[in-house]
Amino acid sequence: MAPLVLYYVRHGETDWNAERRLQGQHDIPLNALGRTQAAQSGEILLDLFARDKRIAADLDYVASPLGRARATMELMRGKLGLVPGEYRTDARLLEMSFGRWEGFTYAELEVHEADALAARERDKWGFVIPGGESYEQLAQRVGGWYQTIVRDTVVAAHGGVARALMVHLGIESAERASFGDIGQGVVYVFTGGSVARYG
């Protein structure tokens, strides 16, 4: 049996992304650039499906329940000629919880949470954020979701979820994944034990 293929899209930009604030599970909407990035991701998917001779309606579609991921999915589905709202959500695709750090920039946290930030830098994957979770815990949650996939799927979720998926699939080490950048307005194609970026 051929390996499952995931077409993975991080949600478009929000104002908190632009301000470099930790969003976590706060429900911050897409800004104008974010909506453009989501539509761009849909166009990239169109090109990839044409290249691979795929029919968009034959794939499964799932998003994080957070509004920025759902809006991204709906804009992409519109570009694909699909009914925007006909997809599933799964709470296991929620972004990592940053607990009491949500809404702050790292510069602000350096003033009030210097010791905890220093501990996190020593073990970014395993450190449990106060009131939140660790990348390790996120990877367990995302891994549980991945085990339920039965057909090729388009996913709209978050940067942390993509990092966790890379570790779960053995594509990246925990250390490298926790520092990697996950772009917006691009599509990541996961297949077998590899990932390719388009856009």
Protein backbone atom coordinates (compact mmCIF):
# COMPACT_ATOMS: atom_id res chain seq x y z
CA MET A 1 0.00 0.00 0.00
CA ALA A 2 1.32 3.47 -0.90
CA PRO A 3 2.19 5.73 2.05
CA LEU A 4 -0.42 8.28 3.06
CA VAL A 5 0.11 11.83 1.81
CA LEU A 6 -0.59 14.91 3.93
CA TYR A 7 -0.88 18.35 2.35
CA TYR A 8 -0.17 20.48 5.41
CA VAL A 9 -0.78 24.23 5.67
CA ARG A 10 -0.01 26.45 8.62
CA HIS A 11 -2.73 29.08 9.06
CA GLY A 12 -2.16 32.52 7.57
CA GLU A 13 -0.78 35.44 9.53
CA THR A 14 -2.63 37.07 12.44
CA ASP A 15 -1.88 40.40 14.10
CA TRP A 16 -0.31 38.48 16.98
CA ASN A 17 2.01 36.71 14.54
CA ALA A 18 3.02 40.09 13.14
CA GLU A 19 3.70 41.36 16.68
CA ARG A 20 5.54 38.10 17.54
CA ARG A 21 3.14 37.34 20.39
CA LEU A 22 2.68 33.77 21.58
CA GLN A 23 -0.82 32.77 20.45
CA GLY A 24 -1.08 29.18 21.55
CA GLN A 25 -4.76 28.39 21.90
CA HIS A 26 -5.99 32.01 21.92
CA ASP A 27 -8.42 32.40 19.03
CA ILE A 28 -6.87 35.27 17.06
CA PRO A 29 -8.34 35.88 13.56
CA LEU A 30 -6.42 36.11 10.29
CA ASN A 31 -5.37 39.59 9.23
CA ALA A 32 -5.44 40.83 5.61
CA LEU A 33 -2.04 39.29 4.82
CA GLY A 34 -3.16 36.04 6.45
CA ARG A 35 -6.20 35.82 4.20
CA THR A 36 -3.97 36.42 1.18
CA GLN A 37 -1.58 33.69 2.36
CA ALA A 38 -4.46 31.24 2.84
CA ALA A 39 -5.72 31.89 -0.69
CA GLN A 40 -2.16 31.50 -1.98
CA SER A 41 -1.94 28.11 -0.26
CA GLY A 42 -5.12 27.09 -2.07
CA GLU A 43 -3.55 28.06 -5.38
CA ILE A 44 -0.45 26.01 -4.56
CA LEU A 45 -2.70 23.04 -3.78
CA LEU A 46 -4.43 23.49 -7.14
CA ASP A 47 -1.06 23.30 -8.89
CA LEU A 48 0.06 20.28 -6.86
CA PHE A 49 -3.19 18.42 -7.54
CA ALA A 50 -2.90 19.16 -11.26
CA ARG A 51 0.71 17.95 -11.25
CA ASP A 52 -0.20 14.77 -9.38
CA LYS A 53 -3.43 14.21 -11.37
CA ARG A 54 -5.52 14.34 -8.20
CA ILE A 55 -9.16 15.28 -7.79
CA ALA A 56 -9.57 17.73 -4.91
CA ALA A 57 -12.88 16.25 -3.78
CA ASP A 58 -11.29 12.80 -3.32
CA LEU A 59 -9.15 13.89 -0.37
CA ASP A 60 -10.11 14.28 3.27
CA TYR A 61 -9.97 17.78 4.81
CA VAL A 62 -9.39 18.50 8.50
CA ALA A 63 -8.50 21.63 10.47
CA SER A 64 -7.69 22.74 13.98
CA PRO A 65 -10.86 24.11 15.63
CA LEU A 66 -9.22 27.55 16.09
CA GLY A 67 -10.67 30.25 13.86
CA ARG A 68 -7.41 31.12 12.11
CA ALA A 69 -7.01 27.51 10.93
CA ARG A 70 -10.67 27.17 9.95
CA ALA A 71 -10.60 30.43 7.97
CA THR A 72 -7.45 29.22 6.21
CA MET A 73 -9.13 25.93 5.31
CA GLU A 74 -12.25 27.66 4.02
CA LEU A 75 -10.28 30.07 1.83
CA MET A 76 -8.24 27.16 0.44
CA ARG A 77 -11.33 25.08 -0.28
CA GLY A 78 -12.85 28.03 -2.11
CA LYS A 79 -9.79 28.17 -4.37
CA LEU A 80 -10.16 24.44 -4.99
CA GLY A 81 -13.78 24.84 -6.08
CA LEU A 82 -15.07 22.98 -3.01
CA VAL A 83 -17.80 24.03 -0.58
CA PRO A 84 -15.83 26.08 1.98
CA GLY A 85 -17.45 24.69 5.13
CA GLU A 86 -17.51 20.99 4.30
CA TYR A 87 -14.51 19.73 6.30
CA ARG A 88 -13.87 18.27 9.73
CA THR A 89 -12.14 19.75 12.77
CA ASP A 90 -10.11 17.80 15.32
CA ALA A 91 -9.12 19.19 18.73
CA ARG A 92 -5.89 17.17 18.64
CA LEU A 93 -4.70 19.66 15.99
CA LEU A 94 -4.96 22.65 18.34
CA GLU A 95 -1.76 24.64 18.69
CA MET A 96 0.43 23.92 21.71
CA SER A 97 -0.88 25.64 24.81
CA PHE A 98 1.49 28.37 25.99
CA GLY A 99 -0.45 28.69 29.24
CA ARG A 100 0.16 31.92 31.09
CA TRP A 101 2.65 33.02 28.39
CA GLU A 102 -0.05 33.47 25.75
CA GLY A 103 -0.36 37.05 24.57
CA PHE A 104 3.21 37.98 25.48
CA THR A 105 6.26 38.49 23.30
CA TYR A 106 9.55 36.83 24.20
CA ALA A 107 10.94 40.29 25.01
CA GLU A 108 8.15 40.78 27.56
CA LEU A 109 8.68 37.31 29.01
CA GLU A 110 12.39 37.99 29.47
CA VAL A 111 11.40 40.60 32.04
CA HIS A 112 8.87 38.52 34.00
CA GLU A 113 9.73 34.87 33.24
CA ALA A 114 13.51 34.92 32.81
CA ASP A 115 14.18 31.77 34.88
CA ALA A 116 11.48 29.74 33.13
CA LEU A 117 12.67 30.92 29.70
CA ALA A 118 16.21 29.89 30.56
CA ALA A 119 14.98 26.43 31.63
CA ARG A 120 13.05 26.12 28.38
CA GLU A 121 16.14 26.98 26.32
CA ARG A 122 17.96 24.08 27.99
CA ASP A 123 15.19 21.61 26.99
CA LYS A 124 12.81 23.26 24.54
CA TRP A 125 11.13 19.96 23.64
CA GLY A 126 10.49 18.66 27.13
CA PHE A 127 9.85 21.89 29.06
CA VAL A 128 6.24 22.23 30.24
CA ILE A 129 5.23 25.88 29.95
CA PRO A 130 3.56 27.17 33.15
CA GLY A 131 -0.15 26.45 32.80
CA GLY A 132 0.46 25.01 29.32
CA GLU A 133 2.16 22.04 27.74
CA SER A 134 5.45 20.92 26.22
CA TYR A 135 6.31 20.03 22.64
CA GLU A 136 6.65 16.44 23.87
CA GLN A 137 3.05 16.46 25.11
CA LEU A 138 1.93 18.11 21.86
CA ALA A 139 3.69 15.40 19.85
CA GLN A 140 1.80 12.69 21.76
CA ARG A 141 -1.50 14.44 20.98
CA VAL A 142 -0.65 14.93 17.30
CA GLY A 143 0.65 11.37 17.03
CA GLY A 144 -2.69 10.10 18.32
CA TRP A 145 -4.44 12.08 15.59
CA TYR A 146 -2.07 10.80 12.89
CA GLN A 147 -2.88 7.19 13.77
CA THR A 148 -6.52 7.83 12.79
CA ILE A 149 -5.81 8.96 9.20
CA VAL A 150 -7.12 6.51 6.62
CA ARG A 151 -6.69 8.44 3.35
CA ASP A 152 -4.70 11.29 1.85
CA THR A 153 -5.59 14.49 3.68
CA VAL A 154 -5.36 18.27 3.49
CA VAL A 155 -4.65 19.77 6.92
CA ALA A 156 -4.88 23.38 8.14
CA ALA A 157 -3.33 23.79 11.57
CA HIS A 158 -0.37 25.43 13.31
CA GLY A 159 3.40 25.75 13.37
CA GLY A 160 3.84 23.75 16.56
CA VAL A 161 1.64 20.97 15.22
CA ALA A 162 3.83 20.74 12.10
CA ARG A 163 6.97 20.48 14.25
CA ALA A 164 5.37 17.74 16.34
CA LEU A 165 4.35 15.87 13.20
CA MET A 166 7.90 16.02 11.84
CA VAL A 167 9.21 14.38 15.01
CA HIS A 168 6.41 11.80 15.14
CA LEU A 169 7.20 10.75 11.56
CA GLY A 170 10.96 10.63 12.19
CA ILE A 171 11.68 13.44 9.73
CA GLU A 172 13.36 15.73 12.27
CA SER A 173 14.95 15.29 15.68
CA ALA A 174 13.14 16.88 18.61
CA GLU A 175 15.99 19.36 19.05
CA ARG A 176 15.97 20.52 15.42
CA ALA A 177 12.19 20.56 15.05
CA SER A 178 11.62 22.78 18.08
CA PHE A 179 13.72 25.56 16.52
CA GLY A 180 12.62 25.19 12.89
CA ASP A 181 10.59 27.83 11.06
CA ILE A 182 7.20 26.81 9.64
CA GLY A 183 6.17 29.19 6.87
CA GLN A 184 2.79 30.74 6.13
CA GLY A 185 1.35 30.85 2.62
CA VAL A 186 3.13 27.61 1.71
CA VAL A 187 2.19 23.92 1.51
CA TYR A 188 4.17 21.10 3.13
CA VAL A 189 3.71 17.67 1.59
CA PHE A 190 4.39 14.81 4.00
CA THR A 191 4.81 11.42 2.40
CA GLY A 192 6.52 8.38 3.85
CA GLY A 193 9.40 9.63 5.97
CA SER A 194 9.97 12.93 4.18
CA VAL A 195 8.50 16.39 3.77
CA ALA A 196 8.73 18.85 0.85
CA ARG A 197 7.85 22.55 0.93
CA TYR A 198 6.07 24.35 -1.92
CA GLY A 199 5.63 28.11 -2.23
